[in-house]
Amino acid sequence: MKRRFRLTRSIDFKRVRTEGKSYSHPLVVLVASAAEQTELRVGVSTGYALGGAVQRNRARRLLREAVRPLVEQMPSGWEIVLIARKPLLGAGFLEIKAAVQGLFLRAGLGIQEQ
C-alpha cells in the first residue's frame, strides 16, 4: 500500500476509533470513519496480545498486502483502521484477503468481490 494512503499518526488512529463505526470478523476488526480530506487513508494496528514484534510485523504486512489491490476501488473521503486479532497469524493469505473484502462490503465501501 502506498504511503499516501496510510494513517500514521496516533491522533488519527484515536479519532477513527472513537468516531468511526466498527465491523468485526474473527481475524480482523475494521473501523471506518468519514474524513474531511478527499483521499482514502488506511491504518493497520496490532496489539501486544498478538505476540512479539515479529508476529505483529507479519500481521501488519499481511493486512497491508490484503488491502493494497482494493485501495483503487474504494471511494475517497474515508479513514479506515484495521485491527489484527490473534487467529490472523494462523490463517492463510486468501482467508485474510476474503475477511478484509467481506468487512469492506459490510461497511458499504463499494468493494466488489473478486
PDB file of N, CA and C in Angstrom:
ATOM      1  N   MET A   1       0.853  -1.165   0.000  1.00  0.00           N
ATOM      2  CA  MET A   1       0.000   0.000   0.000  1.00  0.00           C
ATOM      3  C   MET A   1       0.904   1.235   0.000  1.00  0.00           C
ATOM      4  N   LYS A   2       0.598   2.191  -0.844  1.00  0.00           N
ATOM      5  CA  LYS A   2       1.409   3.399  -0.944  1.00  0.00           C
ATOM      6  C   LYS A   2       1.275   4.239   0.313  1.00  0.00           C
ATOM      7  N   ARG A   3       2.344   4.930   0.650  1.00  0.00           N
ATOM      8  CA  ARG A   3       2.375   5.718   1.885  1.00  0.00           C
ATOM      9  C   ARG A   3       1.321   6.811   1.930  1.00  0.00           C
ATOM     10  N   ARG A   4       0.956   7.361   0.784  1.00  0.00           N
ATOM     11  CA  ARG A   4      -0.028   8.444   0.814  1.00  0.00           C
ATOM     12  C   ARG A   4      -1.407   7.954   1.240  1.00  0.00           C
ATOM     13  N   PHE A   5      -1.639   6.643   1.197  1.00  0.00           N
ATOM     14  CA  PHE A   5      -2.913   6.070   1.610  1.00  0.00           C
ATOM     15  C   PHE A   5      -2.888   5.589   3.062  1.00  0.00           C
ATOM     16  N   ARG A   6      -1.787   5.826   3.804  1.00  0.00           N
ATOM     17  CA  ARG A   6      -1.662   5.291   5.155  1.00  0.00           C
ATOM     18  C   ARG A   6      -2.005   6.313   6.226  1.00  0.00           C
ATOM     19  N   LEU A   7      -2.649   5.821   7.265  1.00  0.00           N
ATOM     20  CA  LEU A   7      -2.792   6.584   8.505  1.00  0.00           C
ATOM     21  C   LEU A   7      -1.534   6.315   9.303  1.00  0.00           C
ATOM     22  N   THR A   8      -0.884   7.352   9.816  1.00  0.00           N
ATOM     23  CA  THR A   8       0.369   7.117  10.535  1.00  0.00           C
ATOM     24  C   THR A   8       0.386   7.723  11.932  1.00  0.00           C
ATOM     25  N   ARG A   9      -0.341   8.801  12.154  1.00  0.00           N
ATOM     26  CA  ARG A   9      -0.261   9.487  13.435  1.00  0.00           C
ATOM     27  C   ARG A   9      -1.202   8.868  14.457  1.00  0.00           C
ATOM     28  N   SER A  10      -0.750   8.827  15.697  1.00  0.00           N
ATOM     29  CA  SER A  10      -1.532   8.261  16.792  1.00  0.00           C
ATOM     30  C   SER A  10      -2.864   8.981  16.971  1.00  0.00           C
ATOM     31  N   ILE A  11      -2.856  10.283  16.821  1.00  0.00           N
ATOM     32  CA  ILE A  11      -4.084  11.060  16.991  1.00  0.00           C
ATOM     33  C   ILE A  11      -5.127  10.702  15.930  1.00  0.00           C
ATOM     34  N   ASP A  12      -4.670  10.369  14.713  1.00  0.00           N
ATOM     35  CA  ASP A  12      -5.591   9.951  13.653  1.00  0.00           C
ATOM     36  C   ASP A  12      -6.229   8.604  13.998  1.00  0.00           C
ATOM     37  N   PHE A  13      -5.422   7.665  14.502  1.00  0.00           N
ATOM     38  CA  PHE A  13      -5.953   6.363  14.905  1.00  0.00           C
ATOM     39  C   PHE A  13      -6.999   6.533  16.002  1.00  0.00           C
ATOM     40  N   LYS A  14      -6.704   7.360  16.990  1.00  0.00           N
ATOM     41  CA  LYS A  14      -7.636   7.574  18.102  1.00  0.00           C
ATOM     42  C   LYS A  14      -8.943   8.188  17.616  1.00  0.00           C
ATOM     43  N   ARG A  15      -8.858   9.167  16.707  1.00  0.00           N
ATOM     44  CA  ARG A  15     -10.057   9.814  16.193  1.00  0.00           C
ATOM     45  C   ARG A  15     -10.940   8.817  15.446  1.00  0.00           C
ATOM     46  N   VAL A  16     -10.332   7.986  14.612  1.00  0.00           N
ATOM     47  CA  VAL A  16     -11.104   6.996  13.856  1.00  0.00           C
ATOM     48  C   VAL A  16     -11.733   5.991  14.805  1.00  0.00           C
ATOM     49  N   ARG A  17     -10.989   5.560  15.825  1.00  0.00           N
ATOM     50  CA  ARG A  17     -11.525   4.581  16.780  1.00  0.00           C
ATOM     51  C   ARG A  17     -12.709   5.150  17.562  1.00  0.00           C
ATOM     52  N   THR A  18     -12.671   6.430  17.912  1.00  0.00           N
ATOM     53  CA  THR A  18     -13.756   6.997  18.715  1.00  0.00           C
ATOM     54  C   THR A  18     -14.956   7.418  17.862  1.00  0.00           C
ATOM     55  N   GLU A  19     -14.709   7.963  16.668  1.00  0.00           N
ATOM     56  CA  GLU A  19     -15.791   8.474  15.837  1.00  0.00           C
ATOM     57  C   GLU A  19     -16.348   7.453  14.856  1.00  0.00           C
ATOM     58  N   GLY A  20     -15.562   6.423  14.545  1.00  0.00           N
ATOM     59  CA  GLY A  20     -15.949   5.502  13.492  1.00  0.00           C
ATOM     60  C   GLY A  20     -16.879   4.391  13.936  1.00  0.00           C
ATOM     61  N   LYS A  21     -17.381   3.673  12.959  1.00  0.00           N
ATOM     62  CA  LYS A  21     -18.242   2.508  13.184  1.00  0.00           C
ATOM     63  C   LYS A  21     -17.396   1.265  12.949  1.00  0.00           C
ATOM     64  N   SER A  22     -17.535   0.278  13.820  1.00  0.00           N
ATOM     65  CA  SER A  22     -16.688  -0.913  13.712  1.00  0.00           C
ATOM     66  C   SER A  22     -17.474  -2.109  13.186  1.00  0.00           C
ATOM     67  N   TYR A  23     -16.745  -2.955  12.475  1.00  0.00           N
ATOM     68  CA  TYR A  23     -17.261  -4.197  11.910  1.00  0.00           C
ATOM     69  C   TYR A  23     -16.247  -5.275  12.261  1.00  0.00           C
ATOM     70  N   SER A  24     -16.713  -6.391  12.821  1.00  0.00           N
ATOM     71  CA  SER A  24     -15.762  -7.393  13.293  1.00  0.00           C
ATOM     72  C   SER A  24     -15.855  -8.690  12.497  1.00  0.00           C
ATOM     73  N   HIS A  25     -14.745  -9.389  12.514  1.00  0.00           N
ATOM     74  CA  HIS A  25     -14.574 -10.701  11.908  1.00  0.00           C
ATOM     75  C   HIS A  25     -13.628 -11.444  12.850  1.00  0.00           C
ATOM     76  N   PRO A  26     -13.654 -12.761  12.884  1.00  0.00           N
ATOM     77  CA  PRO A  26     -12.745 -13.463  13.793  1.00  0.00           C
ATOM     78  C   PRO A  26     -11.261 -13.157  13.558  1.00  0.00           C
ATOM     79  N   LEU A  27     -10.885 -12.732  12.357  1.00  0.00           N
ATOM     80  CA  LEU A  27      -9.478 -12.458  12.061  1.00  0.00           C
ATOM     81  C   LEU A  27      -9.093 -10.993  12.214  1.00  0.00           C
ATOM     82  N   VAL A  28     -10.023 -10.097  11.949  1.00  0.00           N
ATOM     83  CA  VAL A  28      -9.693  -8.670  11.900  1.00  0.00           C
ATOM     84  C   VAL A  28     -10.926  -7.825  12.217  1.00  0.00           C
ATOM     85  N   VAL A  29     -10.691  -6.637  12.749  1.00  0.00           N
ATOM     86  CA  VAL A  29     -11.754  -5.667  13.013  1.00  0.00           C
ATOM     87  C   VAL A  29     -11.510  -4.466  12.111  1.00  0.00           C
ATOM     88  N   LEU A  30     -12.565  -3.953  11.493  1.00  0.00           N
ATOM     89  CA  LEU A  30     -12.472  -2.770  10.651  1.00  0.00           C
ATOM     90  C   LEU A  30     -13.236  -1.646  11.326  1.00  0.00           C
ATOM     91  N   VAL A  31     -12.607  -0.473  11.422  1.00  0.00           N
ATOM     92  CA  VAL A  31     -13.260   0.722  11.948  1.00  0.00           C
ATOM     93  C   VAL A  31     -13.187   1.769  10.851  1.00  0.00           C
ATOM     94  N   ALA A  32     -14.339   2.278  10.417  1.00  0.00           N
ATOM     95  CA  ALA A  32     -14.393   3.247   9.318  1.00  0.00           C
ATOM     96  C   ALA A  32     -15.035   4.543   9.799  1.00  0.00           C
ATOM     97  N   SER A  33     -14.443   5.646   9.372  1.00  0.00           N
ATOM     98  CA  SER A  33     -14.948   6.965   9.733  1.00  0.00           C
ATOM     99  C   SER A  33     -14.865   7.875   8.519  1.00  0.00           C
ATOM    100  N   ALA A  34     -15.904   8.674   8.316  1.00  0.00           N
ATOM    101  CA  ALA A  34     -15.861   9.653   7.229  1.00  0.00           C
ATOM    102  C   ALA A  34     -14.819  10.708   7.575  1.00  0.00           C
ATOM    103  N   ALA A  35     -14.079  11.169   6.555  1.00  0.00           N
ATOM    104  CA  ALA A  35     -12.980  12.103   6.777  1.00  0.00           C
ATOM    105  C   ALA A  35     -13.237  13.433   6.102  1.00  0.00           C
ATOM    106  N   GLU A  36     -12.569  14.457   6.605  1.00  0.00           N
ATOM    107  CA  GLU A  36     -12.668  15.773   5.977  1.00  0.00           C
ATOM    108  C   GLU A  36     -11.850  15.808   4.692  1.00  0.00           C
ATOM    109  N   GLN A  37     -10.782  15.023   4.650  1.00  0.00           N
ATOM    110  CA  GLN A  37      -9.902  15.016   3.486  1.00  0.00           C
ATOM    111  C   GLN A  37     -10.542  14.238   2.345  1.00  0.00           C
ATOM    112  N   THR A  38     -10.058  14.478   1.153  1.00  0.00           N
ATOM    113  CA  THR A  38     -10.645  13.818  -0.006  1.00  0.00           C
ATOM    114  C   THR A  38     -10.034  12.452  -0.272  1.00  0.00           C
ATOM    115  N   GLU A  39      -8.830  12.192   0.220  1.00  0.00           N
ATOM    116  CA  GLU A  39      -8.195  10.904  -0.037  1.00  0.00           C
ATOM    117  C   GLU A  39      -8.609   9.860   0.992  1.00  0.00           C
ATOM    118  N   LEU A  40      -8.583   8.629   0.556  1.00  0.00           N
ATOM    119  CA  LEU A  40      -8.803   7.489   1.444  1.00  0.00           C
ATOM    120  C   LEU A  40      -7.504   7.228   2.188  1.00  0.00           C
ATOM    121  N   ARG A  41      -7.598   6.951   3.491  1.00  0.00           N
ATOM    122  CA  ARG A  41      -6.410   6.597   4.264  1.00  0.00           C
ATOM    123  C   ARG A  41      -6.717   5.372   5.107  1.00  0.00           C
ATOM    124  N   VAL A  42      -5.763   4.442   5.151  1.00  0.00           N
ATOM    125  CA  VAL A  42      -5.934   3.179   5.866  1.00  0.00           C
ATOM    126  C   VAL A  42      -4.770   3.006   6.840  1.00  0.00           C
ATOM    127  N   GLY A  43      -5.080   2.598   8.066  1.00  0.00           N
ATOM    128  CA  GLY A  43      -4.065   2.303   9.060  1.00  0.00           C
ATOM    129  C   GLY A  43      -4.250   0.887   9.574  1.00  0.00           C
ATOM    130  N   VAL A  44      -3.143   0.265   9.980  1.00  0.00           N
ATOM    131  CA  VAL A  44      -3.177  -1.097  10.498  1.00  0.00           C
ATOM    132  C   VAL A  44      -2.631  -1.073  11.916  1.00  0.00           C
ATOM    133  N   SER A  45      -3.342  -1.720  12.828  1.00  0.00           N
ATOM    134  CA  SER A  45      -2.957  -1.741  14.227  1.00  0.00           C
ATOM    135  C   SER A  45      -2.845  -3.186  14.712  1.00  0.00           C
ATOM    136  N   THR A  46      -1.794  -3.445  15.493  1.00  0.00           N
ATOM    137  CA  THR A  46      -1.613  -4.762  16.099  1.00  0.00           C
ATOM    138  C   THR A  46      -1.246  -4.555  17.561  1.00  0.00           C
ATOM    139  N   GLY A  47      -1.913  -5.268  18.437  1.00  0.00           N
ATOM    140  CA  GLY A  47      -1.663  -5.127  19.867  1.00  0.00           C
ATOM    141  C   GLY A  47      -0.623  -6.114  20.361  1.00  0.00           C
ATOM    142  N   TYR A  48      -0.154  -5.880  21.584  1.00  0.00           N
ATOM    143  CA  TYR A  48       0.840  -6.764  22.184  1.00  0.00           C
ATOM    144  C   TYR A  48       0.295  -8.163  22.421  1.00  0.00           C
ATOM    145  N   ALA A  49      -1.006  -8.315  22.556  1.00  0.00           N
ATOM    146  CA  ALA A  49      -1.604  -9.631  22.773  1.00  0.00           C
ATOM    147  C   ALA A  49      -1.406 -10.536  21.567  1.00  0.00           C
ATOM    148  N   LEU A  50      -1.101  -9.945  20.412  1.00  0.00           N
ATOM    149  CA  LEU A  50      -0.891 -10.718  19.191  1.00  0.00           C
ATOM    150  C   LEU A  50       0.403 -11.529  19.260  1.00  0.00           C
ATOM    151  N   GLY A  51       1.391 -11.036  19.989  1.00  0.00           N
ATOM    152  CA  GLY A  51       2.657 -11.731  20.114  1.00  0.00           C
ATOM    153  C   GLY A  51       3.811 -10.749  20.113  1.00  0.00           C
ATOM    154  N   GLY A  52       4.998 -11.279  19.826  1.00  0.00           N
ATOM    155  CA  GLY A  52       6.196 -10.454  19.793  1.00  0.00           C
ATOM    156  C   GLY A  52       6.250  -9.576  18.555  1.00  0.00           C
ATOM    157  N   ALA A  53       7.348  -8.857  18.420  1.00  0.00           N
ATOM    158  CA  ALA A  53       7.494  -7.910  17.322  1.00  0.00           C
ATOM    159  C   ALA A  53       7.421  -8.600  15.956  1.00  0.00           C
ATOM    160  N   VAL A  54       7.985  -9.784  15.850  1.00  0.00           N
ATOM    161  CA  VAL A  54       7.979 -10.499  14.576  1.00  0.00           C
ATOM    162  C   VAL A  54       6.547 -10.837  14.154  1.00  0.00           C
ATOM    163  N   GLN A  55       5.749 -11.339  15.094  1.00  0.00           N
ATOM    164  CA  GLN A  55       4.365 -11.686  14.789  1.00  0.00           C
ATOM    165  C   GLN A  55       3.537 -10.438  14.457  1.00  0.00           C
ATOM    166  N   ARG A  56       3.733  -9.365  15.218  1.00  0.00           N
ATOM    167  CA  ARG A  56       2.973  -8.134  14.955  1.00  0.00           C
ATOM    168  C   ARG A  56       3.332  -7.546  13.591  1.00  0.00           C
ATOM    169  N   ASN A  57       4.611  -7.532  13.256  1.00  0.00           N
ATOM    170  CA  ASN A  57       5.022  -7.004  11.949  1.00  0.00           C
ATOM    171  C   ASN A  57       4.493  -7.864  10.811  1.00  0.00           C
ATOM    172  N   ARG A  58       4.498  -9.176  10.990  1.00  0.00           N
ATOM    173  CA  ARG A  58       3.957 -10.065   9.958  1.00  0.00           C
ATOM    174  C   ARG A  58       2.469  -9.805   9.742  1.00  0.00           C
ATOM    175  N   ALA A  59       1.732  -9.640  10.844  1.00  0.00           N
ATOM    176  CA  ALA A  59       0.299  -9.360  10.739  1.00  0.00           C
ATOM    177  C   ALA A  59       0.057  -8.044  10.002  1.00  0.00           C
ATOM    178  N   ARG A  60       0.854  -7.023  10.303  1.00  0.00           N
ATOM    179  CA  ARG A  60       0.703  -5.736   9.606  1.00  0.00           C
ATOM    180  C   ARG A  60       0.995  -5.882   8.114  1.00  0.00           C
ATOM    181  N   ARG A  61       2.044  -6.607   7.774  1.00  0.00           N
ATOM    182  CA  ARG A  61       2.381  -6.806   6.357  1.00  0.00           C
ATOM    183  C   ARG A  61       1.266  -7.551   5.630  1.00  0.00           C
ATOM    184  N   LEU A  62       0.720  -8.585   6.252  1.00  0.00           N
ATOM    185  CA  LEU A  62      -0.354  -9.350   5.630  1.00  0.00           C
ATOM    186  C   LEU A  62      -1.597  -8.484   5.398  1.00  0.00           C
ATOM    187  N   LEU A  63      -1.963  -7.683   6.385  1.00  0.00           N
ATOM    188  CA  LEU A  63      -3.145  -6.834   6.235  1.00  0.00           C
ATOM    189  C   LEU A  63      -2.923  -5.749   5.176  1.00  0.00           C
ATOM    190  N   ARG A  64      -1.743  -5.143   5.163  1.00  0.00           N
ATOM    191  CA  ARG A  64      -1.466  -4.122   4.138  1.00  0.00           C
ATOM    192  C   ARG A  64      -1.518  -4.718   2.738  1.00  0.00           C
ATOM    193  N   GLU A  65      -0.986  -5.923   2.591  1.00  0.00           N
ATOM    194  CA  GLU A  65      -0.994  -6.572   1.276  1.00  0.00           C
ATOM    195  C   GLU A  65      -2.414  -6.965   0.867  1.00  0.00           C
ATOM    196  N   ALA A  66      -3.253  -7.335   1.824  1.00  0.00           N
ATOM    197  CA  ALA A  66      -4.644  -7.671   1.504  1.00  0.00           C
ATOM    198  C   ALA A  66      -5.419  -6.433   1.064  1.00  0.00           C
ATOM    199  N   VAL A  67      -5.070  -5.269   1.594  1.00  0.00           N
ATOM    200  CA  VAL A  67      -5.775  -4.029   1.270  1.00  0.00           C
ATOM    201  C   VAL A  67      -5.244  -3.394  -0.012  1.00  0.00           C
ATOM    202  N   ARG A  68      -3.967  -3.591  -0.315  1.00  0.00           N
ATOM    203  CA  ARG A  68      -3.311  -2.896  -1.429  1.00  0.00           C
ATOM    204  C   ARG A  68      -4.084  -2.945  -2.745  1.00  0.00           C
ATOM    205  N   PRO A  69      -4.537  -4.096  -3.245  1.00  0.00           N
ATOM    206  CA  PRO A  69      -5.262  -4.084  -4.519  1.00  0.00           C
ATOM    207  C   PRO A  69      -6.665  -3.467  -4.423  1.00  0.00           C
ATOM    208  N   LEU A  70      -7.201  -3.339  -3.215  1.00  0.00           N
ATOM    209  CA  LEU A  70      -8.557  -2.818  -3.034  1.00  0.00           C
ATOM    210  C   LEU A  70      -8.608  -1.294  -2.941  1.00  0.00           C
ATOM    211  N   VAL A  71      -7.476  -0.670  -2.656  1.00  0.00           N
ATOM    212  CA  VAL A  71      -7.443   0.776  -2.429  1.00  0.00           C
ATOM    213  C   VAL A  71      -7.944   1.547  -3.647  1.00  0.00           C
ATOM    214  N   GLU A  72      -7.617   1.074  -4.843  1.00  0.00           N
ATOM    215  CA  GLU A  72      -8.025   1.770  -6.060  1.00  0.00           C
ATOM    216  C   GLU A  72      -9.554   1.743  -6.251  1.00  0.00           C
ATOM    217  N   GLN A  73     -10.222   0.724  -5.725  1.00  0.00           N
ATOM    218  CA  GLN A  73     -11.666   0.572  -5.900  1.00  0.00           C
ATOM    219  C   GLN A  73     -12.479   1.307  -4.835  1.00  0.00           C
ATOM    220  N   MET A  74     -11.836   1.691  -3.737  1.00  0.00           N
ATOM    221  CA  MET A  74     -12.558   2.285  -2.619  1.00  0.00           C
ATOM    222  C   MET A  74     -12.911   3.739  -2.891  1.00  0.00           C
ATOM    223  N   PRO A  75     -14.043   4.185  -2.374  1.00  0.00           N
ATOM    224  CA  PRO A  75     -14.401   5.604  -2.512  1.00  0.00           C
ATOM    225  C   PRO A  75     -13.494   6.463  -1.634  1.00  0.00           C
ATOM    226  N   SER A  76     -13.252   7.686  -2.055  1.00  0.00           N
ATOM    227  CA  SER A  76     -12.411   8.580  -1.266  1.00  0.00           C
ATOM    228  C   SER A  76     -13.229   9.193  -0.138  1.00  0.00           C
ATOM    229  N   GLY A  77     -12.541   9.860   0.785  1.00  0.00           N
ATOM    230  CA  GLY A  77     -13.226  10.517   1.892  1.00  0.00           C
ATOM    231  C   GLY A  77     -13.443   9.642   3.103  1.00  0.00           C
ATOM    232  N   TRP A  78     -12.684   8.566   3.232  1.00  0.00           N
ATOM    233  CA  TRP A  78     -12.806   7.664   4.378  1.00  0.00           C
ATOM    234  C   TRP A  78     -11.462   7.481   5.045  1.00  0.00           C
ATOM    235  N   GLU A  79     -11.492   7.270   6.356  1.00  0.00           N
ATOM    236  CA  GLU A  79     -10.328   6.848   7.115  1.00  0.00           C
ATOM    237  C   GLU A  79     -10.689   5.505   7.733  1.00  0.00           C
ATOM    238  N   ILE A  80      -9.807   4.528   7.553  1.00  0.00           N
ATOM    239  CA  ILE A  80     -10.096   3.156   7.959  1.00  0.00           C
ATOM    240  C   ILE A  80      -8.954   2.638   8.821  1.00  0.00           C
ATOM    241  N   VAL A  81      -9.298   1.962   9.905  1.00  0.00           N
ATOM    242  CA  VAL A  81      -8.314   1.294  10.746  1.00  0.00           C
ATOM    243  C   VAL A  81      -8.643  -0.190  10.760  1.00  0.00           C
ATOM    244  N   LEU A  82      -7.637  -1.012  10.479  1.00  0.00           N
ATOM    245  CA  LEU A  82      -7.765  -2.468  10.564  1.00  0.00           C
ATOM    246  C   LEU A  82      -7.004  -2.923  11.799  1.00  0.00           C
ATOM    247  N   ILE A  83      -7.661  -3.697  12.660  1.00  0.00           N
ATOM    248  CA  ILE A  83      -7.053  -4.183  13.894  1.00  0.00           C
ATOM    249  C   ILE A  83      -6.950  -5.693  13.811  1.00  0.00           C
ATOM    250  N   ALA A  84      -5.732  -6.196  13.878  1.00  0.00           N
ATOM    251  CA  ALA A  84      -5.486  -7.635  13.765  1.00  0.00           C
ATOM    252  C   ALA A  84      -5.889  -8.348  15.049  1.00  0.00           C
ATOM    253  N   ARG A  85      -6.454  -9.544  14.880  1.00  0.00           N
ATOM    254  CA  ARG A  85      -6.777 -10.410  16.013  1.00  0.00           C
ATOM    255  C   ARG A  85      -5.838 -11.617  15.998  1.00  0.00           C
ATOM    256  N   LYS A  86      -5.709 -12.276  17.108  1.00  0.00           N
ATOM    257  CA  LYS A  86      -4.743 -13.365  17.261  1.00  0.00           C
ATOM    258  C   LYS A  86      -4.890 -14.487  16.221  1.00  0.00           C
ATOM    259  N   PRO A  87      -6.102 -14.927  15.853  1.00  0.00           N
ATOM    260  CA  PRO A  87      -6.214 -16.007  14.860  1.00  0.00           C
ATOM    261  C   PRO A  87      -5.680 -15.639  13.473  1.00  0.00           C
ATOM    262  N   LEU A  88      -5.441 -14.354  13.224  1.00  0.00           N
ATOM    263  CA  LEU A  88      -4.918 -13.924  11.930  1.00  0.00           C
ATOM    264  C   LEU A  88      -3.574 -14.583  11.622  1.00  0.00           C
ATOM    265  N   LEU A  89      -2.770 -14.807  12.649  1.00  0.00           N
ATOM    266  CA  LEU A  89      -1.434 -15.378  12.443  1.00  0.00           C
ATOM    267  C   LEU A  89      -1.487 -16.818  11.934  1.00  0.00           C
ATOM    268  N   GLY A  90      -2.543 -17.540  12.246  1.00  0.00           N
ATOM    269  CA  GLY A  90      -2.667 -18.916  11.790  1.00  0.00           C
ATOM    270  C   GLY A  90      -3.421 -19.062  10.485  1.00  0.00           C
ATOM    271  N   ALA A  91      -3.953 -17.970   9.970  1.00  0.00           N
ATOM    272  CA  ALA A  91      -4.766 -18.011   8.753  1.00  0.00           C
ATOM    273  C   ALA A  91      -3.898 -17.853   7.511  1.00  0.00           C
ATOM    274  N   GLY A  92      -4.378 -18.386   6.404  1.00  0.00           N
ATOM    275  CA  GLY A  92      -3.708 -18.217   5.125  1.00  0.00           C
ATOM    276  C   GLY A  92      -4.028 -16.861   4.523  1.00  0.00           C
ATOM    277  N   PHE A  93      -3.213 -16.455   3.552  1.00  0.00           N
ATOM    278  CA  PHE A  93      -3.398 -15.139   2.959  1.00  0.00           C
ATOM    279  C   PHE A  93      -4.757 -14.995   2.280  1.00  0.00           C
ATOM    280  N   LEU A  94      -5.222 -16.047   1.610  1.00  0.00           N
ATOM    281  CA  LEU A  94      -6.521 -15.956   0.932  1.00  0.00           C
ATOM    282  C   LEU A  94      -7.664 -15.771   1.928  1.00  0.00           C
ATOM    283  N   GLU A  95      -7.550 -16.401   3.100  1.00  0.00           N
ATOM    284  CA  GLU A  95      -8.556 -16.210   4.146  1.00  0.00           C
ATOM    285  C   GLU A  95      -8.559 -14.761   4.637  1.00  0.00           C
ATOM    286  N   ILE A  96      -7.363 -14.217   4.814  1.00  0.00           N
ATOM    287  CA  ILE A  96      -7.242 -12.840   5.285  1.00  0.00           C
ATOM    288  C   ILE A  96      -7.817 -11.880   4.250  1.00  0.00           C
ATOM    289  N   LYS A  97      -7.493 -12.110   3.003  1.00  0.00           N
ATOM    290  CA  LYS A  97      -7.992 -11.248   1.926  1.00  0.00           C
ATOM    291  C   LYS A  97      -9.520 -11.315   1.853  1.00  0.00           C
ATOM    292  N   ALA A  98     -10.075 -12.521   1.971  1.00  0.00           N
ATOM    293  CA  ALA A  98     -11.536 -12.677   1.944  1.00  0.00           C
ATOM    294  C   ALA A  98     -12.180 -11.983   3.144  1.00  0.00           C
ATOM    295  N   ALA A  99     -11.542 -12.068   4.309  1.00  0.00           N
ATOM    296  CA  ALA A  99     -12.081 -11.411   5.508  1.00  0.00           C
ATOM    297  C   ALA A  99     -12.096  -9.894   5.330  1.00  0.00           C
ATOM    298  N   VAL A 100     -11.021  -9.341   4.792  1.00  0.00           N
ATOM    299  CA  VAL A 100     -10.936  -7.893   4.591  1.00  0.00           C
ATOM    300  C   VAL A 100     -11.971  -7.444   3.563  1.00  0.00           C
ATOM    301  N   GLN A 101     -12.096  -8.185   2.470  1.00  0.00           N
ATOM    302  CA  GLN A 101     -13.096  -7.836   1.449  1.00  0.00           C
ATOM    303  C   GLN A 101     -14.509  -7.899   2.022  1.00  0.00           C
ATOM    304  N   GLY A 102     -14.789  -8.928   2.812  1.00  0.00           N
ATOM    305  CA  GLY A 102     -16.102  -9.057   3.431  1.00  0.00           C
ATOM    306  C   GLY A 102     -16.412  -7.901   4.367  1.00  0.00           C
ATOM    307  N   LEU A 103     -15.414  -7.459   5.122  1.00  0.00           N
ATOM    308  CA  LEU A 103     -15.624  -6.323   6.019  1.00  0.00           C
ATOM    309  C   LEU A 103     -15.875  -5.035   5.240  1.00  0.00           C
ATOM    310  N   PHE A 104     -15.157  -4.840   4.140  1.00  0.00           N
ATOM    311  CA  PHE A 104     -15.390  -3.650   3.321  1.00  0.00           C
ATOM    312  C   PHE A 104     -16.800  -3.669   2.725  1.00  0.00           C
ATOM    313  N   LEU A 105     -17.263  -4.854   2.320  1.00  0.00           N
ATOM    314  CA  LEU A 105     -18.627  -4.962   1.795  1.00  0.00           C
ATOM    315  C   LEU A 105     -19.655  -4.641   2.873  1.00  0.00           C
ATOM    316  N   ARG A 106     -19.457  -5.182   4.085  1.00  0.00           N
ATOM    317  CA  ARG A 106     -20.380  -4.920   5.192  1.00  0.00           C
ATOM    318  C   ARG A 106     -20.396  -3.445   5.576  1.00  0.00           C
ATOM    319  N   ALA A 107     -19.243  -2.796   5.443  1.00  0.00           N
ATOM    320  CA  ALA A 107     -19.158  -1.374   5.791  1.00  0.00           C
ATOM    321  C   ALA A 107     -19.731  -0.488   4.695  1.00  0.00           C
ATOM    322  N   GLY A 108     -20.055  -1.078   3.542  1.00  0.00           N
ATOM    323  CA  GLY A 108     -20.631  -0.297   2.447  1.00  0.00           C
ATOM    324  C   GLY A 108     -19.625   0.581   1.734  1.00  0.00           C
ATOM    325  N   LEU A 109     -18.404   0.092   1.623  1.00  0.00           N
ATOM    326  CA  LEU A 109     -17.353   0.886   0.984  1.00  0.00           C
ATOM    327  C   LEU A 109     -17.190   0.583  -0.491  1.00  0.00           C
ATOM    328  N   GLY A 110     -18.141  -0.129  -1.086  1.00  0.00           N
ATOM    329  CA  GLY A 110     -18.171  -0.284  -2.537  1.00  0.00           C
ATOM    330  C   GLY A 110     -17.151  -1.205  -3.130  1.00  0.00           C
ATOM    331  N   ILE A 111     -16.643  -2.168  -2.401  1.00  0.00           N
ATOM    332  CA  ILE A 111     -15.677  -3.119  -2.930  1.00  0.00           C
ATOM    333  C   ILE A 111     -16.433  -4.286  -3.561  1.00  0.00           C
ATOM    334  N   GLN A 112     -16.078  -4.631  -4.776  1.00  0.00           N
ATOM    335  CA  GLN A 112     -16.678  -5.788  -5.444  1.00  0.00           C
ATOM    336  C   GLN A 112     -15.845  -7.023  -5.150  1.00  0.00           C
ATOM    337  N   GLU A 113     -16.490  -8.161  -4.926  1.00  0.00           N
ATOM    338  CA  GLU A 113     -15.763  -9.405  -4.653  1.00  0.00           C
ATOM    339  C   GLU A 113     -15.049  -9.842  -5.924  1.00  0.00           C
ATOM    340  N   GLN A 114     -13.817 -10.364  -5.702  1.00  0.00           N
ATOM    341  CA  GLN A 114     -13.010 -10.810  -6.846  1.00  0.00           C
ATOM    342  C   GLN A 114     -12.776 -12.292  -6.779  1.00  0.00           C
TER     343      GLN A 114
END
